[in-house]
N, C-alpha and C. Protein backbone atom coordinates (compact mmCIF):
# COMPACT_ATOMS: atom_id res chain seq x y z
N MET A 1 6.18 2.40 9.94
CA MET A 1 6.01 0.96 10.17
C MET A 1 6.57 0.18 8.94
N ILE A 2 7.81 -0.58 9.18
CA ILE A 2 8.36 -1.26 8.35
C ILE A 2 7.81 -2.71 7.94
N GLU A 3 7.45 -3.06 6.34
CA GLU A 3 6.67 -3.93 5.86
C GLU A 3 5.86 -4.44 6.65
N PRO A 4 4.67 -3.80 6.51
CA PRO A 4 3.59 -4.24 7.50
C PRO A 4 2.69 -5.37 6.60
N LYS A 5 2.05 -6.41 7.40
CA LYS A 5 1.03 -7.07 6.88
C LYS A 5 -0.17 -6.62 6.77
N TYR A 6 -0.68 -7.07 5.86
CA TYR A 6 -2.25 -6.29 5.55
C TYR A 6 -3.03 -8.02 5.02
N GLY A 7 -2.45 -9.31 5.27
CA GLY A 7 -3.52 -10.32 5.34
C GLY A 7 -2.15 -11.22 4.65
N ASP A 8 -2.56 -12.52 4.16
CA ASP A 8 -1.72 -13.72 3.69
C ASP A 8 -0.82 -13.47 2.59
N LYS A 9 -0.01 -14.35 2.37
CA LYS A 9 0.49 -14.05 1.45
C LYS A 9 0.12 -13.59 0.34
N GLY A 10 0.18 -12.84 -0.55
CA GLY A 10 -0.45 -12.77 -1.81
C GLY A 10 -1.23 -10.93 -1.84
N THR A 11 -1.00 -10.47 -0.63
CA THR A 11 -1.66 -9.35 -0.32
C THR A 11 -0.89 -8.32 -0.44
N ILE A 12 -1.48 -6.86 -0.64
CA ILE A 12 -0.11 -6.16 -0.16
C ILE A 12 0.79 -6.26 0.62
N GLU A 13 1.87 -5.59 0.26
CA GLU A 13 3.06 -5.63 1.64
C GLU A 13 4.19 -4.51 1.16
N PRO A 14 3.28 -3.65 1.12
CA PRO A 14 4.51 -2.15 1.11
C PRO A 14 5.69 -2.22 1.93
N ASP A 15 6.88 -1.84 1.44
CA ASP A 15 8.18 -1.69 2.62
C ASP A 15 7.83 -1.10 3.23
N ILE A 16 6.95 0.51 3.22
CA ILE A 16 6.72 1.01 4.47
C ILE A 16 5.17 1.61 4.69
N PHE A 17 4.75 1.99 5.65
CA PHE A 17 4.01 2.42 5.76
C PHE A 17 3.92 3.42 6.43
N SER A 18 3.75 5.15 6.20
CA SER A 18 3.89 6.29 7.45
C SER A 18 2.64 6.97 6.88
N ILE A 19 3.11 7.91 7.81
CA ILE A 19 1.80 9.05 8.10
C ILE A 19 2.38 10.18 8.32
N TRP A 20 2.28 11.20 7.10
CA TRP A 20 3.27 12.11 7.01
C TRP A 20 2.21 13.27 6.28
N PHE A 21 1.28 13.59 7.63
CA PHE A 21 0.04 14.85 6.96
C PHE A 21 -1.08 13.66 6.95
N ASN A 22 -0.82 12.95 5.86
CA ASN A 22 -1.64 11.75 5.38
C ASN A 22 -1.52 10.37 5.14
N PRO A 23 -2.22 9.22 5.39
CA PRO A 23 -1.33 7.98 5.33
C PRO A 23 -0.34 7.71 3.80
N ILE A 24 0.22 7.23 4.10
CA ILE A 24 1.32 6.83 2.71
C ILE A 24 1.55 5.35 2.54
N PHE A 25 1.52 4.27 1.67
CA PHE A 25 2.07 3.36 1.52
C PHE A 25 3.43 3.90 0.36
N ILE A 26 4.76 2.96 1.21
CA ILE A 26 5.90 3.45 -0.08
C ILE A 26 6.62 1.92 -0.65
N GLU A 27 6.35 2.19 -1.54
CA GLU A 27 7.16 0.70 -2.46
C GLU A 27 8.44 1.05 -2.98
N VAL A 28 9.56 0.60 -2.54
CA VAL A 28 11.03 0.92 -2.95
C VAL A 28 11.27 -0.24 -3.96
N GLN A 29 11.40 0.36 -5.37
CA GLN A 29 11.49 -0.68 -6.05
C GLN A 29 13.21 -0.67 -6.32
N ARG A 30 13.69 -1.57 -6.08
CA ARG A 30 15.30 -1.18 -6.75
C ARG A 30 15.83 -2.14 -8.01
N ASN A 31 14.82 -2.73 -8.28
CA ASN A 31 15.27 -3.75 -9.54
C ASN A 31 13.89 -3.11 -10.50
N VAL A 32 14.51 -3.38 -12.11
CA VAL A 32 13.57 -2.87 -12.91
C VAL A 32 12.92 -4.37 -13.17
N TYR A 33 11.32 -4.00 -13.17
CA TYR A 33 10.05 -4.74 -13.33
C TYR A 33 9.59 -4.46 -14.61
N THR A 34 8.88 -5.84 -14.83
CA THR A 34 8.03 -5.57 -16.44
C THR A 34 6.98 -5.15 -16.04
N LYS A 35 6.14 -4.29 -16.91
CA LYS A 35 5.21 -3.63 -16.85
C LYS A 35 3.95 -4.88 -16.32
N GLU A 36 3.77 -5.70 -16.76
CA GLU A 36 2.88 -6.81 -15.53
C GLU A 36 3.04 -6.58 -14.45
N VAL A 37 4.25 -6.96 -14.12
CA VAL A 37 4.44 -7.16 -12.70
C VAL A 37 3.93 -6.06 -11.80
N MET A 38 4.36 -4.71 -12.32
CA MET A 38 4.00 -3.85 -11.92
C MET A 38 2.35 -3.91 -11.99
N GLN A 39 1.69 -3.67 -12.66
CA GLN A 39 0.33 -3.91 -13.04
C GLN A 39 -0.22 -4.54 -11.66
N LYS A 40 0.84 -5.86 -11.52
CA LYS A 40 -0.11 -6.96 -10.58
C LYS A 40 0.41 -6.27 -9.46
N LYS A 41 1.23 -5.17 -8.86
CA LYS A 41 0.96 -5.11 -7.55
C LYS A 41 0.12 -4.32 -7.49
N ILE A 42 -0.16 -3.22 -8.48
CA ILE A 42 -0.94 -2.12 -8.40
C ILE A 42 -2.78 -2.92 -8.05
N ASP A 43 -2.98 -3.94 -8.95
CA ASP A 43 -3.81 -4.47 -8.65
C ASP A 43 -4.15 -4.77 -7.43
N LEU A 44 -3.63 -5.27 -6.57
CA LEU A 44 -3.46 -5.74 -5.53
C LEU A 44 -3.80 -4.43 -4.48
N TYR A 45 -3.39 -3.49 -4.87
CA TYR A 45 -3.88 -2.65 -3.76
C TYR A 45 -5.16 -1.89 -4.34
N GLU A 46 -5.79 -2.30 -5.49
CA GLU A 46 -7.01 -1.98 -5.90
C GLU A 46 -7.79 -3.11 -5.19
N ASP A 47 -7.49 -4.38 -5.18
CA ASP A 47 -8.15 -5.48 -4.18
C ASP A 47 -8.00 -4.99 -2.79
N TYR A 48 -7.17 -4.71 -2.48
CA TYR A 48 -7.05 -4.34 -0.70
C TYR A 48 -8.19 -2.75 -0.60
N TYR A 49 -8.26 -1.75 -1.57
CA TYR A 49 -9.24 -1.29 -1.42
C TYR A 49 -10.42 -1.35 -1.49
N ASP A 50 -10.53 -2.49 -2.23
CA ASP A 50 -12.12 -2.83 -2.65
C ASP A 50 -12.42 -4.10 -1.25
N THR A 51 -11.54 -4.50 -0.33
CA THR A 51 -12.08 -5.25 0.70
C THR A 51 -12.59 -4.15 1.49
N GLY A 52 -12.35 -2.91 1.43
CA GLY A 52 -12.83 -2.00 2.92
C GLY A 52 -12.07 -1.83 4.02
N ASP A 53 -10.98 -3.23 4.45
CA ASP A 53 -10.31 -3.55 5.44
C ASP A 53 -9.34 -2.29 5.66
N TRP A 54 -9.24 -1.68 5.11
CA TRP A 54 -8.44 -0.56 5.38
C TRP A 54 -9.13 1.10 6.40
N LYS A 55 -10.48 0.76 6.26
CA LYS A 55 -11.02 1.47 7.36
C LYS A 55 -11.04 1.13 8.68
N ASP A 56 -10.83 -0.03 8.83
CA ASP A 56 -11.07 -0.06 10.26
C ASP A 56 -9.39 -0.22 10.97
N GLU A 57 -8.04 0.38 10.01
CA GLU A 57 -6.86 0.21 10.70
C GLU A 57 -7.32 1.43 11.50
N PRO A 58 -6.26 1.40 12.91
CA PRO A 58 -6.03 1.58 14.22
C PRO A 58 -5.79 3.00 14.11
N TRP A 59 -5.19 3.68 13.02
CA TRP A 59 -4.31 4.77 12.80
C TRP A 59 -6.22 6.03 12.01
N GLN A 60 -7.01 5.17 11.63
CA GLN A 60 -8.12 5.92 11.15
C GLN A 60 -8.82 6.94 11.91
N LYS A 61 -8.96 8.14 10.97
CA LYS A 61 -9.69 8.52 12.19
C LYS A 61 -11.42 8.50 11.92
N PRO A 62 -12.17 8.74 13.12
CA PRO A 62 -13.23 8.16 13.22
C PRO A 62 -13.96 8.61 12.20
N ASP A 63 -14.15 9.88 12.01
CA ASP A 63 -14.97 11.45 11.12
C ASP A 63 -14.59 10.80 9.54
N LYS A 64 -13.52 10.21 9.48
CA LYS A 64 -12.94 10.44 8.33
C LYS A 64 -12.17 9.08 7.81
N LYS A 65 -12.72 8.27 6.89
CA LYS A 65 -11.50 7.36 6.82
C LYS A 65 -11.10 7.66 5.17
N VAL A 66 -9.60 7.18 5.14
CA VAL A 66 -8.86 7.90 3.92
C VAL A 66 -7.78 6.53 3.68
N PHE A 67 -8.23 6.11 2.13
CA PHE A 67 -7.58 5.00 2.00
C PHE A 67 -5.92 5.81 1.87
N PRO A 68 -4.77 5.41 1.81
CA PRO A 68 -3.38 5.59 1.61
C PRO A 68 -2.89 5.98 0.35
N SER A 69 -2.03 7.21 0.14
CA SER A 69 -1.51 7.37 -1.23
C SER A 69 -0.49 6.28 -1.33
N ILE A 70 -0.44 6.22 -2.61
CA ILE A 70 0.44 4.60 -3.37
C ILE A 70 1.76 5.72 -3.46
N LEU A 71 3.08 5.55 -2.74
CA LEU A 71 4.31 5.99 -3.55
C LEU A 71 5.61 5.01 -4.09
N ILE A 72 5.65 4.73 -5.35
CA ILE A 72 6.41 3.73 -5.91
C ILE A 72 7.78 4.73 -6.19
N ILE A 73 8.64 4.25 -5.42
CA ILE A 73 10.01 4.91 -5.71
C ILE A 73 11.34 3.96 -6.66
N THR A 74 11.47 3.99 -7.60
CA THR A 74 12.28 2.83 -8.58
C THR A 74 13.43 3.84 -9.45
N PRO A 75 14.36 3.26 -9.65
CA PRO A 75 15.34 4.08 -10.48
C PRO A 75 15.04 4.03 -12.14
N THR A 76 13.73 3.29 -12.37
CA THR A 76 13.73 3.62 -14.03
C THR A 76 11.89 4.31 -14.17
């Protein structure tokens, strides 16, 4: 899925969600971001994890709930 939405503005917005053996959130960063900006993105993923909403996604297996890995692709 390209740019799936997981809530209102200010929540996670990965560039791609994919299942390749396991679920993966993919962020493609073409610009150079400061450490603070990247930490904010990571904090948003941690906040999403804490909500537990990911456990209700339709792709989840009923017997084993898995939080997606996060892959950040960046030139630096």
